[in-house]
Amino acid sequence: MPIPSGFSVPNRLTAKQRAFRQLQEWIIDGTLKPGEKLNDGELASALGVSRTPVREALQLLNVEGLVEMNPGVSTQVTQVNGEDIAKILPPLAALQSLAAELALPLVSLGEIESLRRINTEFGEALERGDYHYALKLDEEFHGFVVERIDNPYIANTISTFQAHIRRLFFHNSIILSLKSVEEHEEILQAFERGDKEAVGRLVRSNWLRAVDAYYEALSSGGS
């Protein structure tokens, strides 16, 4: 089980939180590969913590569906199925749409302009092929309204879905497109108009388009 060295971890987190975040990142980006068996002793040594926070972190990752725990047998990273995109994105799109509708009366014109700058940077990242940075900016764009409504129930659920979306991205199932730049601008214009129905509809369709893009790419690759 190869484990990177020299990585940095944020301060002010508990040992369990640090272990959870780092293990989640390694699973998402493929450092810990699908199907790989995890040894809590090796992980504890690599992370500089005891086995207890590692085991607690693995339990949280098990709940998220990123690891599979078989007590007394093994703990391993779950497999990646690209077609899970059709299971993950519809509920995520619905929650993001709801968050946007709830945020509508809270977002100022200044904040809309800040989001517009993020969207411009997002488009520039796509044009130069920096897809990892583009993904970060896309998450920042959509994450703003989730933070704005200050609802931990919605935010925590979205966070779990987002972990799987990022993992699908690293396994080439999520395709970022310049079409999203146009869709983001339409969303911002709906915010400026105060059009709640349009905001919800546009956010939902922006997320769901990735499902169609995945199957179109799959079909093209098989033809």
C-alpha atoms as a PDB file:
ATOM      1  CA  MET A   1       0.000   0.000   0.000  1.00  0.00           C
ATOM      2  CA  PRO A   2       2.145   2.929  -1.226  1.00  0.00           C
ATOM      3  CA  ILE A   3       1.559   6.070   0.822  1.00  0.00           C
ATOM      4  CA  PRO A   4       2.877   9.521  -0.165  1.00  0.00           C
ATOM      5  CA  SER A   5       5.263  11.352   2.108  1.00  0.00           C
ATOM      6  CA  GLY A   6       5.801  15.060   2.569  1.00  0.00           C
ATOM      7  CA  PHE A   7       2.110  15.967   2.342  1.00  0.00           C
ATOM      8  CA  SER A   8       0.758  18.837   4.442  1.00  0.00           C
ATOM      9  CA  VAL A   9      -2.208  18.648   6.767  1.00  0.00           C
ATOM     10  CA  PRO A  10      -4.233  21.586   8.143  1.00  0.00           C
ATOM     11  CA  ASN A  11      -3.716  22.630  11.740  1.00  0.00           C
ATOM     12  CA  ARG A  12      -6.528  23.098  14.261  1.00  0.00           C
ATOM     13  CA  LEU A  13      -8.155  19.794  13.386  1.00  0.00           C
ATOM     14  CA  THR A  14      -8.544  16.780  15.602  1.00  0.00           C
ATOM     15  CA  ALA A  15      -6.514  13.687  14.753  1.00  0.00           C
ATOM     16  CA  LYS A  16      -9.691  12.038  13.468  1.00  0.00           C
ATOM     17  CA  GLN A  17     -10.529  15.000  11.244  1.00  0.00           C
ATOM     18  CA  ARG A  18      -6.993  15.134   9.836  1.00  0.00           C
ATOM     19  CA  ALA A  19      -7.028  11.404   9.143  1.00  0.00           C
ATOM     20  CA  PHE A  20     -10.470  11.578   7.552  1.00  0.00           C
ATOM     21  CA  ARG A  21      -9.619  14.472   5.247  1.00  0.00           C
ATOM     22  CA  GLN A  22      -6.318  13.008   4.108  1.00  0.00           C
ATOM     23  CA  LEU A  23      -7.661   9.511   3.524  1.00  0.00           C
ATOM     24  CA  GLN A  24     -10.668  10.909   1.687  1.00  0.00           C
ATOM     25  CA  GLU A  25      -8.363  12.956  -0.558  1.00  0.00           C
ATOM     26  CA  TRP A  26      -6.171   9.927  -1.315  1.00  0.00           C
ATOM     27  CA  ILE A  27      -9.219   7.827  -2.201  1.00  0.00           C
ATOM     28  CA  ILE A  28     -10.708  10.568  -4.371  1.00  0.00           C
ATOM     29  CA  ASP A  29      -7.546  11.247  -6.373  1.00  0.00           C
ATOM     30  CA  GLY A  30      -6.672   7.567  -6.725  1.00  0.00           C
ATOM     31  CA  THR A  31      -3.580   7.539  -4.512  1.00  0.00           C
ATOM     32  CA  LEU A  32      -5.408   4.774  -2.676  1.00  0.00           C
ATOM     33  CA  LYS A  33      -6.744   2.732  -5.561  1.00  0.00           C
ATOM     34  CA  PRO A  34     -10.179   1.077  -5.899  1.00  0.00           C
ATOM     35  CA  GLY A  35     -10.093  -2.335  -4.270  1.00  0.00           C
ATOM     36  CA  GLU A  36      -6.902  -1.594  -2.325  1.00  0.00           C
ATOM     37  CA  LYS A  37      -6.776  -3.097   1.156  1.00  0.00           C
ATOM     38  CA  LEU A  38      -6.112  -0.625   3.941  1.00  0.00           C
ATOM     39  CA  ASN A  39      -3.951  -1.329   6.969  1.00  0.00           C
ATOM     40  CA  ASP A  40      -4.808   0.970   9.855  1.00  0.00           C
ATOM     41  CA  GLY A  41      -1.335   0.553  11.369  1.00  0.00           C
ATOM     42  CA  GLU A  42       0.416   1.651   8.170  1.00  0.00           C
ATOM     43  CA  LEU A  43      -1.992   4.536   7.733  1.00  0.00           C
ATOM     44  CA  ALA A  44      -1.542   5.648  11.350  1.00  0.00           C
ATOM     45  CA  SER A  45       2.235   5.637  10.933  1.00  0.00           C
ATOM     46  CA  ALA A  46       2.055   7.608   7.681  1.00  0.00           C
ATOM     47  CA  LEU A  47      -0.335  10.192   9.144  1.00  0.00           C
ATOM     48  CA  GLY A  48       1.529  10.518  12.446  1.00  0.00           C
ATOM     49  CA  VAL A  49      -1.468   9.603  14.580  1.00  0.00           C
ATOM     50  CA  SER A  50      -2.558   6.602  16.622  1.00  0.00           C
ATOM     51  CA  ARG A  51      -4.688   3.807  15.214  1.00  0.00           C
ATOM     52  CA  THR A  52      -7.825   5.006  16.993  1.00  0.00           C
ATOM     53  CA  PRO A  53      -8.427   8.185  14.908  1.00  0.00           C
ATOM     54  CA  VAL A  54      -7.576   6.235  11.750  1.00  0.00           C
ATOM     55  CA  ARG A  55     -10.168   3.599  12.599  1.00  0.00           C
ATOM     56  CA  GLU A  56     -12.705   6.329  13.377  1.00  0.00           C
ATOM     57  CA  ALA A  57     -11.916   8.021  10.062  1.00  0.00           C
ATOM     58  CA  LEU A  58     -12.325   4.744   8.203  1.00  0.00           C
ATOM     59  CA  GLN A  59     -15.733   4.294   9.817  1.00  0.00           C
ATOM     60  CA  LEU A  60     -16.778   7.723   8.517  1.00  0.00           C
ATOM     61  CA  LEU A  61     -15.466   6.854   5.061  1.00  0.00           C
ATOM     62  CA  ASN A  62     -17.419   3.620   5.242  1.00  0.00           C
ATOM     63  CA  VAL A  63     -20.601   5.623   5.870  1.00  0.00           C
ATOM     64  CA  GLU A  64     -19.706   7.821   2.867  1.00  0.00           C
ATOM     65  CA  GLY A  65     -19.320   4.741   0.714  1.00  0.00           C
ATOM     66  CA  LEU A  66     -15.632   5.327  -0.028  1.00  0.00           C
ATOM     67  CA  VAL A  67     -14.377   2.302   1.888  1.00  0.00           C
ATOM     68  CA  GLU A  68     -15.900  -1.065   2.647  1.00  0.00           C
ATOM     69  CA  MET A  69     -15.329  -2.524   6.095  1.00  0.00           C
ATOM     70  CA  ASN A  70     -15.599  -6.255   6.713  1.00  0.00           C
ATOM     71  CA  PRO A  71     -14.895  -6.682  10.441  1.00  0.00           C
ATOM     72  CA  GLY A  72     -12.316  -9.332  11.130  1.00  0.00           C
ATOM     73  CA  VAL A  73     -11.565  -9.713   7.422  1.00  0.00           C
ATOM     74  CA  SER A  74     -10.426  -6.515   5.693  1.00  0.00           C
ATOM     75  CA  THR A  75     -11.053  -2.854   4.986  1.00  0.00           C
ATOM     76  CA  GLN A  76     -10.669  -1.778   1.394  1.00  0.00           C
ATOM     77  CA  VAL A  77     -11.328   1.114  -0.941  1.00  0.00           C
ATOM     78  CA  THR A  78     -14.616   0.733  -2.805  1.00  0.00           C
ATOM     79  CA  GLN A  79     -14.663   0.261  -6.552  1.00  0.00           C
ATOM     80  CA  VAL A  80     -15.533   3.104  -8.923  1.00  0.00           C
ATOM     81  CA  ASN A  81     -18.473   2.696 -11.260  1.00  0.00           C
ATOM     82  CA  GLY A  82     -18.786   5.508 -13.779  1.00  0.00           C
ATOM     83  CA  GLU A  83     -22.480   4.828 -14.215  1.00  0.00           C
ATOM     84  CA  ASP A  84     -23.037   5.832 -10.578  1.00  0.00           C
ATOM     85  CA  ILE A  85     -23.072   9.349 -11.985  1.00  0.00           C
ATOM     86  CA  ALA A  86     -26.735   8.712 -12.865  1.00  0.00           C
ATOM     87  CA  LYS A  87     -27.433   7.893  -9.211  1.00  0.00           C
ATOM     88  CA  ILE A  88     -25.414  10.686  -7.629  1.00  0.00           C
ATOM     89  CA  LEU A  89     -26.174  13.723  -9.781  1.00  0.00           C
ATOM     90  CA  PRO A  90     -30.014  13.810  -9.681  1.00  0.00           C
ATOM     91  CA  PRO A  91     -30.247  14.145  -5.867  1.00  0.00           C
ATOM     92  CA  LEU A  92     -27.221  16.443  -5.809  1.00  0.00           C
ATOM     93  CA  ALA A  93     -28.788  18.610  -8.520  1.00  0.00           C
ATOM     94  CA  ALA A  94     -32.022  18.798  -6.522  1.00  0.00           C
ATOM     95  CA  LEU A  95     -30.179  19.900  -3.366  1.00  0.00           C
ATOM     96  CA  GLN A  96     -28.043  22.440  -5.222  1.00  0.00           C
ATOM     97  CA  SER A  97     -31.187  23.791  -6.871  1.00  0.00           C
ATOM     98  CA  LEU A  98     -32.905  24.128  -3.495  1.00  0.00           C
ATOM     99  CA  ALA A  99     -29.858  25.851  -2.013  1.00  0.00           C
ATOM    100  CA  ALA A 100     -29.808  28.345  -4.882  1.00  0.00           C
ATOM    101  CA  GLU A 101     -33.505  29.121  -4.462  1.00  0.00           C
ATOM    102  CA  LEU A 102     -33.053  29.659  -0.716  1.00  0.00           C
ATOM    103  CA  ALA A 103     -30.002  31.856  -1.317  1.00  0.00           C
ATOM    104  CA  LEU A 104     -31.733  34.070  -3.879  1.00  0.00           C
ATOM    105  CA  PRO A 105     -32.929  36.800  -1.452  1.00  0.00           C
ATOM    106  CA  LEU A 106     -29.609  36.706   0.434  1.00  0.00           C
ATOM    107  CA  VAL A 107     -27.140  37.230  -2.411  1.00  0.00           C
ATOM    108  CA  SER A 108     -26.024  40.804  -3.038  1.00  0.00           C
ATOM    109  CA  LEU A 109     -25.101  42.350  -6.383  1.00  0.00           C
ATOM    110  CA  GLY A 110     -21.498  42.529  -5.203  1.00  0.00           C
ATOM    111  CA  GLU A 111     -21.490  38.814  -4.491  1.00  0.00           C
ATOM    112  CA  ILE A 112     -22.967  38.105  -7.917  1.00  0.00           C
ATOM    113  CA  GLU A 113     -20.074  40.021  -9.469  1.00  0.00           C
ATOM    114  CA  SER A 114     -17.626  37.963  -7.398  1.00  0.00           C
ATOM    115  CA  LEU A 115     -19.249  34.792  -8.733  1.00  0.00           C
ATOM    116  CA  ARG A 116     -19.007  36.211 -12.243  1.00  0.00           C
ATOM    117  CA  ARG A 117     -15.254  36.645 -11.790  1.00  0.00           C
ATOM    118  CA  ILE A 118     -14.986  33.047 -10.572  1.00  0.00           C
ATOM    119  CA  ASN A 119     -16.901  31.918 -13.646  1.00  0.00           C
ATOM    120  CA  THR A 120     -14.569  33.881 -15.934  1.00  0.00           C
ATOM    121  CA  GLU A 121     -11.563  32.250 -14.274  1.00  0.00           C
ATOM    122  CA  PHE A 122     -13.305  28.882 -14.583  1.00  0.00           C
ATOM    123  CA  GLY A 123     -13.655  29.376 -18.342  1.00  0.00           C
ATOM    124  CA  GLU A 124     -10.023  30.428 -18.677  1.00  0.00           C
ATOM    125  CA  ALA A 125      -8.896  27.309 -16.796  1.00  0.00           C
ATOM    126  CA  LEU A 126     -10.931  25.121 -19.143  1.00  0.00           C
ATOM    127  CA  GLU A 127      -9.526  26.828 -22.221  1.00  0.00           C
ATOM    128  CA  ARG A 128      -5.942  26.151 -21.149  1.00  0.00           C
ATOM    129  CA  GLY A 129      -6.765  22.577 -20.162  1.00  0.00           C
ATOM    130  CA  ASP A 130      -6.271  23.020 -16.412  1.00  0.00           C
ATOM    131  CA  TYR A 131      -9.193  20.794 -15.494  1.00  0.00           C
ATOM    132  CA  HIS A 132      -8.191  20.218 -11.871  1.00  0.00           C
ATOM    133  CA  TYR A 133      -8.230  23.956 -11.178  1.00  0.00           C
ATOM    134  CA  ALA A 134     -11.430  24.314 -13.197  1.00  0.00           C
ATOM    135  CA  LEU A 135     -13.083  21.705 -10.974  1.00  0.00           C
ATOM    136  CA  LYS A 136     -12.010  23.657  -7.888  1.00  0.00           C
ATOM    137  CA  LEU A 137     -13.510  26.845  -9.323  1.00  0.00           C
ATOM    138  CA  ASP A 138     -16.730  25.076 -10.305  1.00  0.00           C
ATOM    139  CA  GLU A 139     -17.067  23.808  -6.739  1.00  0.00           C
ATOM    140  CA  GLU A 140     -16.362  27.316  -5.440  1.00  0.00           C
ATOM    141  CA  PHE A 141     -19.060  28.755  -7.715  1.00  0.00           C
ATOM    142  CA  HIS A 142     -21.751  26.327  -6.585  1.00  0.00           C
ATOM    143  CA  GLY A 143     -20.475  26.104  -3.025  1.00  0.00           C
ATOM    144  CA  PHE A 144     -21.011  29.805  -2.435  1.00  0.00           C
ATOM    145  CA  VAL A 145     -24.801  29.550  -2.328  1.00  0.00           C
ATOM    146  CA  VAL A 146     -24.598  26.474  -0.100  1.00  0.00           C
ATOM    147  CA  GLU A 147     -22.478  28.420   2.395  1.00  0.00           C
ATOM    148  CA  ARG A 148     -24.733  31.453   2.046  1.00  0.00           C
ATOM    149  CA  ILE A 149     -27.867  29.697   3.308  1.00  0.00           C
ATOM    150  CA  ASP A 150     -26.033  28.422   6.420  1.00  0.00           C
ATOM    151  CA  ASN A 151     -27.941  25.117   6.568  1.00  0.00           C
ATOM    152  CA  PRO A 152     -25.656  22.314   7.827  1.00  0.00           C
ATOM    153  CA  TYR A 153     -28.183  19.606   6.918  1.00  0.00           C
ATOM    154  CA  ILE A 154     -28.091  20.570   3.257  1.00  0.00           C
ATOM    155  CA  ALA A 155     -24.361  21.366   3.317  1.00  0.00           C
ATOM    156  CA  ASN A 156     -23.308  18.063   4.896  1.00  0.00           C
ATOM    157  CA  THR A 157     -25.366  15.996   2.476  1.00  0.00           C
ATOM    158  CA  ILE A 158     -24.022  17.936  -0.503  1.00  0.00           C
ATOM    159  CA  SER A 159     -20.483  17.454   0.830  1.00  0.00           C
ATOM    160  CA  THR A 160     -20.901  13.666   0.763  1.00  0.00           C
ATOM    161  CA  PHE A 161     -22.191  13.747  -2.817  1.00  0.00           C
ATOM    162  CA  GLN A 162     -19.378  16.094  -3.822  1.00  0.00           C
ATOM    163  CA  ALA A 163     -16.748  13.651  -2.582  1.00  0.00           C
ATOM    164  CA  HIS A 164     -18.097  11.034  -4.983  1.00  0.00           C
ATOM    165  CA  ILE A 165     -18.328  13.571  -7.810  1.00  0.00           C
ATOM    166  CA  ARG A 166     -14.668  14.527  -7.329  1.00  0.00           C
ATOM    167  CA  ARG A 167     -13.741  10.847  -7.344  1.00  0.00           C
ATOM    168  CA  LEU A 168     -15.623  10.290 -10.596  1.00  0.00           C
ATOM    169  CA  PHE A 169     -13.771  13.289 -12.044  1.00  0.00           C
ATOM    170  CA  PHE A 170     -10.392  11.754 -11.215  1.00  0.00           C
ATOM    171  CA  HIS A 171     -11.564   8.511 -12.826  1.00  0.00           C
ATOM    172  CA  ASN A 172     -12.636  10.342 -16.006  1.00  0.00           C
ATOM    173  CA  SER A 173     -16.403  10.034 -15.574  1.00  0.00           C
ATOM    174  CA  ILE A 174     -17.080  13.747 -15.018  1.00  0.00           C
ATOM    175  CA  ILE A 175     -16.493  15.866 -18.106  1.00  0.00           C
ATOM    176  CA  LEU A 176     -16.099  19.621 -17.649  1.00  0.00           C
ATOM    177  CA  SER A 177     -17.260  21.718 -20.586  1.00  0.00           C
ATOM    178  CA  LEU A 178     -17.188  25.345 -21.685  1.00  0.00           C
ATOM    179  CA  LYS A 179     -20.979  25.024 -21.935  1.00  0.00           C
ATOM    180  CA  SER A 180     -20.993  25.358 -18.145  1.00  0.00           C
ATOM    181  CA  VAL A 181     -19.549  28.864 -18.434  1.00  0.00           C
ATOM    182  CA  GLU A 182     -22.634  29.960 -20.383  1.00  0.00           C
ATOM    183  CA  GLU A 183     -24.951  28.148 -17.969  1.00  0.00           C
ATOM    184  CA  HIS A 184     -23.286  29.777 -14.964  1.00  0.00           C
ATOM    185  CA  GLU A 185     -23.822  33.187 -16.530  1.00  0.00           C
ATOM    186  CA  GLU A 186     -27.497  32.391 -17.091  1.00  0.00           C
ATOM    187  CA  ILE A 187     -27.768  31.425 -13.423  1.00  0.00           C
ATOM    188  CA  LEU A 188     -26.190  34.728 -12.380  1.00  0.00           C
ATOM    189  CA  GLN A 189     -28.569  36.681 -14.605  1.00  0.00           C
ATOM    190  CA  ALA A 190     -31.503  34.870 -12.985  1.00  0.00           C
ATOM    191  CA  PHE A 191     -30.127  35.891  -9.575  1.00  0.00           C
ATOM    192  CA  GLU A 192     -29.938  39.491 -10.765  1.00  0.00           C
ATOM    193  CA  ARG A 193     -33.581  39.343 -11.924  1.00  0.00           C
ATOM    194  CA  GLY A 194     -34.674  37.721  -8.676  1.00  0.00           C
ATOM    195  CA  ASP A 195     -36.229  34.893 -10.705  1.00  0.00           C
ATOM    196  CA  LYS A 196     -36.477  32.010  -8.240  1.00  0.00           C
ATOM    197  CA  GLU A 197     -38.026  29.549 -10.683  1.00  0.00           C
ATOM    198  CA  ALA A 198     -35.311  30.176 -13.269  1.00  0.00           C
ATOM    199  CA  VAL A 199     -32.512  29.944 -10.698  1.00  0.00           C
ATOM    200  CA  GLY A 200     -33.677  26.538  -9.512  1.00  0.00           C
ATOM    201  CA  ARG A 201     -34.262  25.206 -13.021  1.00  0.00           C
ATOM    202  CA  LEU A 202     -30.938  26.456 -14.401  1.00  0.00           C
ATOM    203  CA  VAL A 203     -28.871  25.127 -11.509  1.00  0.00           C
ATOM    204  CA  ARG A 204     -30.561  21.732 -11.771  1.00  0.00           C
ATOM    205  CA  SER A 205     -30.004  21.457 -15.516  1.00  0.00           C
ATOM    206  CA  ASN A 206     -26.376  22.584 -15.174  1.00  0.00           C
ATOM    207  CA  TRP A 207     -25.664  19.653 -12.862  1.00  0.00           C
ATOM    208  CA  LEU A 208     -27.705  17.095 -14.768  1.00  0.00           C
ATOM    209  CA  ARG A 209     -26.046  17.855 -18.108  1.00  0.00           C
ATOM    210  CA  ALA A 210     -22.984  15.959 -16.855  1.00  0.00           C
ATOM    211  CA  VAL A 211     -25.018  12.738 -16.924  1.00  0.00           C
ATOM    212  CA  ASP A 212     -25.846  13.194 -20.614  1.00  0.00           C
ATOM    213  CA  ALA A 213     -22.220  14.155 -21.352  1.00  0.00           C
ATOM    214  CA  TYR A 214     -20.986  10.963 -19.694  1.00  0.00           C
ATOM    215  CA  TYR A 215     -23.246   8.693 -21.727  1.00  0.00           C
ATOM    216  CA  GLU A 216     -22.526  10.589 -24.942  1.00  0.00           C
ATOM    217  CA  ALA A 217     -18.784  10.135 -24.375  1.00  0.00           C
ATOM    218  CA  LEU A 218     -19.359   6.464 -23.538  1.00  0.00           C
ATOM    219  CA  SER A 219     -21.342   5.986 -26.715  1.00  0.00           C
ATOM    220  CA  SER A 220     -18.755   7.779 -28.850  1.00  0.00           C
ATOM    221  CA  GLY A 221     -15.961   5.718 -27.351  1.00  0.00           C
ATOM    222  CA  GLY A 222     -17.770   2.507 -28.121  1.00  0.00           C
ATOM    223  CA  SER A 223     -18.664   3.402 -31.685  1.00  0.00           C
END
